């Protein structure tokens, strides 16, 4: 959920770590996206590169200005590459954030959520939407985003619900806007799939964003300062059924997702090798469905 960096498994994760009864680690996974030439998707935030110019225009920004700010090739949007390096991906997000702030239309994550499309296929989103409830969807999401991202995610049970921590493994340092966009999108996706105005119990960030009032209005709670990016949801909300649930579709597609994850793991997709990993541009934006 990206849920930006978010995602998740029927078997509760790769390492099976269990902690205390009130804070047991359900799932910690390293999401890796090896180069795989398909189309024009930038992972972690759900941007189809070819659609970025129109999104920027709708927000009052300029694609040309974003490319100039980022230092990325002028043909990035017109002839999208098969993959972006994590640093190029971060540069793109930072440049878009600066551009939208410069024209007075920030914050970027909240503006994007107003324009986001739900018409694209993505394994992570597919895994979530076909789940019976929010908790199962988050767990599946974490497992299968491993095939499409270089972020890390830990989902853990708390005394009152579920907590989601996510970050980018060293040596990567993502700009705050990337993880914040993931938090915004995660909440939006849950609301979409439940048809309920679900609010997180807590939203935490190591970097407090500008436009705090706007984020508080969206989340329903203030963004608070902490050591990591975290969202917490209450017990009632994580057990809400998804109106998009489709178990037969999930049973048909899950083997292909698991195969993809196994291929990534066999290729050595670990945090230690993340500096050599490319963010794959799949046929659809990760944060679009």
Protein backbone atom coordinates (compact mmCIF):
# COMPACT_ATOMS: atom_id res chain seq x y z
CA UNK A 1 0.00 0.00 0.00
CA UNK A 2 2.49 0.64 -1.51
CA UNK A 3 0.51 0.83 0.05
CA UNK A 4 4.28 3.44 -1.78
CA UNK A 5 6.04 1.08 -0.44
CA UNK A 6 3.20 -1.19 0.65
CA UNK A 7 2.01 -4.77 -0.12
CA UNK A 8 1.29 -9.06 1.33
CA UNK A 9 0.68 -13.27 1.83
CA UNK A 10 -1.65 -15.99 2.65
CA UNK A 11 1.15 -17.47 4.74
CA UNK A 12 2.00 -14.32 6.69
CA UNK A 13 5.34 -13.54 5.22
CA UNK A 14 8.73 -14.70 4.22
CA UNK A 15 10.48 -14.80 7.56
CA UNK A 16 7.58 -15.81 9.83
CA UNK A 17 8.89 -13.67 12.68
CA UNK A 18 6.58 -13.60 15.67
CA UNK A 19 6.88 -11.10 18.50
CA UNK A 20 4.75 -10.39 21.54
CA UNK A 21 1.00 -11.10 21.54
CA UNK A 22 0.25 -7.39 21.35
CA UNK A 23 2.83 -6.58 18.67
CA UNK A 24 3.62 -9.64 16.60
CA UNK A 25 5.44 -9.17 13.35
CA UNK A 26 3.26 -10.66 10.63
CA UNK A 27 5.28 -9.88 7.60
CA UNK A 28 8.55 -8.30 6.62
CA UNK A 29 9.48 -8.40 2.99
CA UNK A 30 11.96 -6.76 0.68
CA UNK A 31 10.28 -5.66 -2.52
CA UNK A 32 12.54 -5.85 -5.54
CA UNK A 33 11.87 -4.95 -9.12
CA UNK A 34 14.45 -6.33 -11.54
CA UNK A 35 14.68 -4.96 -15.05
CA UNK A 36 11.95 -6.40 -17.22
CA UNK A 37 11.14 -4.53 -20.44
CA UNK A 38 7.40 -4.30 -20.70
CA UNK A 39 6.02 -0.78 -20.88
CA UNK A 40 6.04 2.56 -19.18
CA UNK A 41 5.37 2.14 -15.53
CA UNK A 42 7.26 3.73 -12.67
CA UNK A 43 6.73 1.73 -9.51
CA UNK A 44 5.96 2.93 -5.97
CA UNK A 45 3.40 5.58 -6.46
CA UNK A 46 1.63 4.32 -9.49
CA UNK A 47 2.76 6.64 -12.23
CA UNK A 48 2.48 5.66 -15.85
CA UNK A 49 5.28 7.75 -17.31
CA UNK A 50 3.36 8.52 -20.48
CA UNK A 51 0.52 10.01 -18.39
CA UNK A 52 2.70 12.24 -16.23
CA UNK A 53 2.58 15.28 -18.57
CA UNK A 54 -1.22 15.33 -18.52
CA UNK A 55 -1.29 14.87 -14.75
CA UNK A 56 1.15 17.73 -14.30
CA UNK A 57 -0.87 19.93 -16.62
CA UNK A 58 -4.04 19.20 -14.63
CA UNK A 59 -2.20 20.29 -11.49
CA UNK A 60 -0.89 23.46 -13.12
CA UNK A 61 2.63 22.16 -13.63
CA UNK A 62 4.89 21.59 -16.61
CA UNK A 63 6.45 18.31 -17.74
CA UNK A 64 9.34 20.22 -19.33
CA UNK A 65 10.03 21.98 -16.05
CA UNK A 66 9.93 18.67 -14.13
CA UNK A 67 12.47 17.09 -16.47
CA UNK A 68 14.71 20.13 -16.14
CA UNK A 69 14.47 20.03 -12.34
CA UNK A 70 15.16 16.29 -12.19
CA UNK A 71 17.98 16.18 -14.73
CA UNK A 72 16.30 13.19 -16.41
CA UNK A 73 16.25 12.70 -20.20
CA UNK A 74 13.92 14.98 -22.15
CA UNK A 75 12.45 11.90 -23.83
CA UNK A 76 11.45 10.24 -20.55
CA UNK A 77 7.72 10.76 -21.09
CA UNK A 78 7.54 10.54 -24.87
CA UNK A 79 9.71 7.41 -25.11
CA UNK A 80 9.55 5.80 -21.65
CA UNK A 81 12.37 3.41 -20.75
CA UNK A 82 11.78 -0.16 -19.62
CA UNK A 83 13.00 0.72 -16.15
CA UNK A 84 14.17 3.51 -13.89
CA UNK A 85 16.91 3.25 -11.32
CA UNK A 86 15.66 3.99 -7.80
CA UNK A 87 17.63 7.25 -7.74
CA UNK A 88 16.09 8.40 -11.04
CA UNK A 89 12.68 7.46 -9.70
CA UNK A 90 13.29 9.50 -6.56
CA UNK A 91 14.54 12.41 -8.64
CA UNK A 92 11.33 12.35 -10.67
CA UNK A 93 9.14 12.43 -7.57
CA UNK A 94 11.18 15.23 -5.98
CA UNK A 95 10.99 17.29 -9.15
CA UNK A 96 7.23 16.81 -9.43
CA UNK A 97 6.81 17.77 -5.78
CA UNK A 98 8.90 20.93 -6.25
CA UNK A 99 7.03 21.81 -9.44
CA UNK A 100 3.57 21.54 -7.91
CA UNK A 101 4.68 23.48 -4.84
CA UNK A 102 6.16 26.20 -7.08
CA UNK A 103 2.79 26.81 -8.74
CA UNK A 104 0.98 26.84 -5.40
CA UNK A 105 -1.03 23.66 -5.90
CA UNK A 106 0.56 21.35 -3.33
CA UNK A 107 0.65 18.96 -1.70
CA UNK A 108 1.43 16.63 -4.58
CA UNK A 109 0.14 13.35 -3.01
CA UNK A 110 -3.29 14.84 -2.33
CA UNK A 111 -3.51 16.42 -5.77
CA UNK A 112 -2.58 13.12 -7.43
CA UNK A 113 -5.23 11.20 -5.53
CA UNK A 114 -7.85 13.52 -7.02
CA UNK A 115 -6.70 12.51 -10.51
CA UNK A 116 -5.75 8.87 -10.01
CA UNK A 117 -7.20 6.31 -12.40
CA UNK A 118 -8.49 2.92 -11.31
CA UNK A 119 -8.47 1.35 -14.74
CA UNK A 120 -5.03 -0.25 -14.79
CA UNK A 121 -3.99 -3.75 -13.83
CA UNK A 122 -1.30 -4.20 -11.23
CA UNK A 123 -0.39 -7.35 -9.29
CA UNK A 124 -0.25 -5.55 -5.95
CA UNK A 125 -3.60 -3.88 -6.38
CA UNK A 126 -5.11 -7.05 -7.82
CA UNK A 127 -3.97 -8.97 -4.73
CA UNK A 128 -5.59 -6.41 -2.45
CA UNK A 129 -8.88 -5.93 -4.27
CA UNK A 130 -9.66 -9.63 -4.57
CA UNK A 131 -9.21 -10.21 -0.85
CA UNK A 132 -12.10 -10.87 1.54
CA UNK A 133 -11.19 -8.07 3.95
CA UNK A 134 -8.75 -5.24 4.60
CA UNK A 135 -6.34 -7.26 6.74
CA UNK A 136 -6.00 -10.11 4.26
CA UNK A 137 -5.60 -7.62 1.44
CA UNK A 138 -2.77 -5.81 3.20
CA UNK A 139 -1.01 -9.10 3.94
CA UNK A 140 -1.28 -10.30 0.34
CA UNK A 141 -0.29 -6.88 -0.89
CA UNK A 142 2.97 -7.02 1.07
CA UNK A 143 3.89 -10.41 -0.26
CA UNK A 144 3.39 -9.70 -3.92
CA UNK A 145 4.75 -6.18 -4.08
CA UNK A 146 8.08 -7.93 -3.63
CA UNK A 147 7.96 -8.49 -7.37
CA UNK A 148 7.42 -4.82 -8.17
CA UNK A 149 9.28 -2.63 -5.70
CA UNK A 150 12.53 -2.11 -3.84
CA UNK A 151 10.86 -0.94 -0.63
CA UNK A 152 10.59 -2.88 2.62
CA UNK A 153 7.41 -3.48 4.56
CA UNK A 154 6.54 -4.86 7.97
CA UNK A 155 2.94 -5.51 8.93
CA UNK A 156 2.35 -6.20 12.60
CA UNK A 157 -0.60 -6.77 14.87
CA UNK A 158 -1.07 -4.33 17.72
CA UNK A 159 -3.30 -4.44 20.79
CA UNK A 160 -5.93 -2.45 18.89
CA UNK A 161 -5.49 -3.45 15.23
CA UNK A 162 -2.77 -3.45 12.61
CA UNK A 163 0.38 -1.39 12.00
CA UNK A 164 2.19 -0.97 8.69
CA UNK A 165 5.83 0.17 8.68
CA UNK A 166 7.68 0.72 5.46
CA UNK A 167 10.97 2.15 4.30
CA UNK A 168 13.68 1.94 1.66
CA UNK A 169 16.66 -0.28 2.52
CA UNK A 170 20.16 1.17 2.63
CA UNK A 171 21.80 2.65 0.70
CA UNK A 172 18.61 4.11 -0.77
CA UNK A 173 17.17 7.30 0.66
CA UNK A 174 13.76 8.14 -0.72
CA UNK A 175 12.42 11.69 -0.55
CA UNK A 176 9.64 12.02 2.04
CA UNK A 177 7.04 12.64 -0.68
CA UNK A 178 7.41 9.08 -2.00
CA UNK A 179 6.47 7.36 1.26
CA UNK A 180 3.84 9.97 2.05
CA UNK A 181 2.24 9.38 -1.35
CA UNK A 182 2.14 5.67 -0.49
CA UNK A 183 0.37 6.38 2.78
CA UNK A 184 -2.18 8.60 1.06
CA UNK A 185 -2.78 6.06 -1.67
CA UNK A 186 -3.10 3.22 0.81
CA UNK A 187 -5.89 4.96 2.69
CA UNK A 188 -7.60 5.92 -0.57
CA UNK A 189 -7.47 2.32 -1.81
CA UNK A 190 -8.95 0.94 1.41
CA UNK A 191 -11.79 3.44 1.19
CA UNK A 192 -12.40 2.53 -2.43
CA UNK A 193 -12.52 -1.22 -1.74
CA UNK A 194 -14.67 -1.00 1.39
CA UNK A 195 -16.97 1.84 0.30
CA UNK A 196 -16.40 3.25 3.79
CA UNK A 197 -14.57 6.36 4.96
CA UNK A 198 -11.89 4.40 6.80
CA UNK A 199 -9.51 6.53 8.84
CA UNK A 200 -6.15 5.35 10.17
CA UNK A 201 -5.74 5.51 13.92
CA UNK A 202 -2.26 6.92 13.50
CA UNK A 203 -0.04 8.25 10.69
CA UNK A 204 3.66 8.70 11.45
CA UNK A 205 6.51 10.14 9.39
CA UNK A 206 10.17 10.93 10.13
CA UNK A 207 9.63 14.20 8.25
CA UNK A 208 6.58 16.28 9.02
CA UNK A 209 5.17 17.54 5.73
CA UNK A 210 4.03 20.99 4.77
CA UNK A 211 0.27 21.43 4.43
CA UNK A 212 -0.34 19.64 7.73
CA UNK A 213 -3.97 20.79 7.84
CA UNK A 214 -4.66 19.31 4.39
CA UNK A 215 -3.20 15.96 5.40
CA UNK A 216 -5.12 15.96 8.66
CA UNK A 217 -8.34 16.57 6.74
CA UNK A 218 -7.59 13.67 4.40
CA UNK A 219 -6.41 11.12 6.97
CA UNK A 220 -8.75 12.22 9.75
CA UNK A 221 -5.79 12.35 12.15
CA UNK A 222 -2.66 14.52 12.21
CA UNK A 223 0.65 13.26 10.80
CA UNK A 224 2.94 12.87 13.80
CA UNK A 225 6.71 12.75 14.03
CA UNK A 226 8.35 9.35 14.50
CA UNK A 227 11.37 7.27 13.57
CA UNK A 228 9.73 5.56 10.58
CA UNK A 229 6.84 5.77 8.16
CA UNK A 230 3.91 4.04 9.83
CA UNK A 231 0.15 3.76 9.58
CA UNK A 232 -2.08 2.06 12.12
CA UNK A 233 -5.65 0.90 11.60
CA UNK A 234 -8.21 -0.17 14.19
CA UNK A 235 -9.61 -3.66 14.60
CA UNK A 236 -13.04 -2.80 13.19
CA UNK A 237 -11.57 -1.35 10.01
CA UNK A 238 -9.09 -4.13 9.26
CA UNK A 239 -11.92 -6.66 9.37
CA UNK A 240 -14.15 -4.71 7.01
CA UNK A 241 -15.12 -6.79 3.97
CA UNK A 242 -14.03 -5.60 0.53
CA UNK A 243 -16.83 -5.06 -1.96
CA UNK A 244 -14.31 -5.98 -4.67
CA UNK A 245 -13.57 -9.44 -3.21
CA UNK A 246 -13.40 -12.25 -5.76
CA UNK A 247 -11.95 -15.49 -4.41
CA UNK A 248 -12.31 -17.46 -7.65
CA UNK A 249 -10.35 -14.80 -9.51
CA UNK A 250 -7.72 -14.81 -6.79
CA UNK A 251 -7.38 -18.60 -6.85
CA UNK A 252 -6.87 -18.46 -10.61
CA UNK A 253 -4.26 -15.71 -10.55
CA UNK A 254 -2.37 -16.33 -7.30
CA UNK A 255 -0.09 -19.08 -8.70
CA UNK A 256 1.25 -16.66 -11.32
CA UNK A 257 1.96 -14.04 -8.66
CA UNK A 258 3.71 -16.57 -6.45
CA UNK A 259 5.79 -17.73 -9.41
CA UNK A 260 6.85 -14.15 -10.08
CA UNK A 261 7.91 -13.68 -6.46
CA UNK A 262 9.88 -16.94 -6.57
CA UNK A 263 11.66 -15.76 -9.71
CA UNK A 264 12.64 -12.51 -8.01
CA UNK A 265 13.95 -14.38 -4.98
CA UNK A 266 15.87 -16.85 -7.15
CA UNK A 267 17.46 -13.91 -8.96
CA UNK A 268 18.84 -12.64 -5.67
CA UNK A 269 16.36 -9.87 -5.01
CA UNK A 270 17.53 -8.79 -1.57
CA UNK A 271 18.22 -5.51 0.16
CA UNK A 272 21.94 -6.19 -0.03
CA UNK A 273 21.76 -6.09 -3.82
CA UNK A 274 19.27 -3.26 -4.05
CA UNK A 275 21.78 -0.78 -5.43
CA UNK A 276 21.91 -2.82 -8.62
CA UNK A 277 18.15 -3.19 -8.92
CA UNK A 278 16.04 -1.31 -11.43
CA UNK A 279 12.48 -0.26 -10.78
CA UNK A 280 10.56 -2.06 -13.48
CA UNK A 281 8.02 -0.25 -15.59
CA UNK A 282 5.10 -2.67 -15.79
CA UNK A 283 2.09 -2.24 -18.08
CA UNK A 284 0.20 -0.34 -15.41
CA UNK A 285 0.97 2.05 -12.57
CA UNK A 286 1.46 0.30 -9.25
CA UNK A 287 -0.83 2.66 -7.50
CA UNK A 288 -3.49 2.48 -10.16
CA UNK A 289 -6.05 -0.27 -10.57
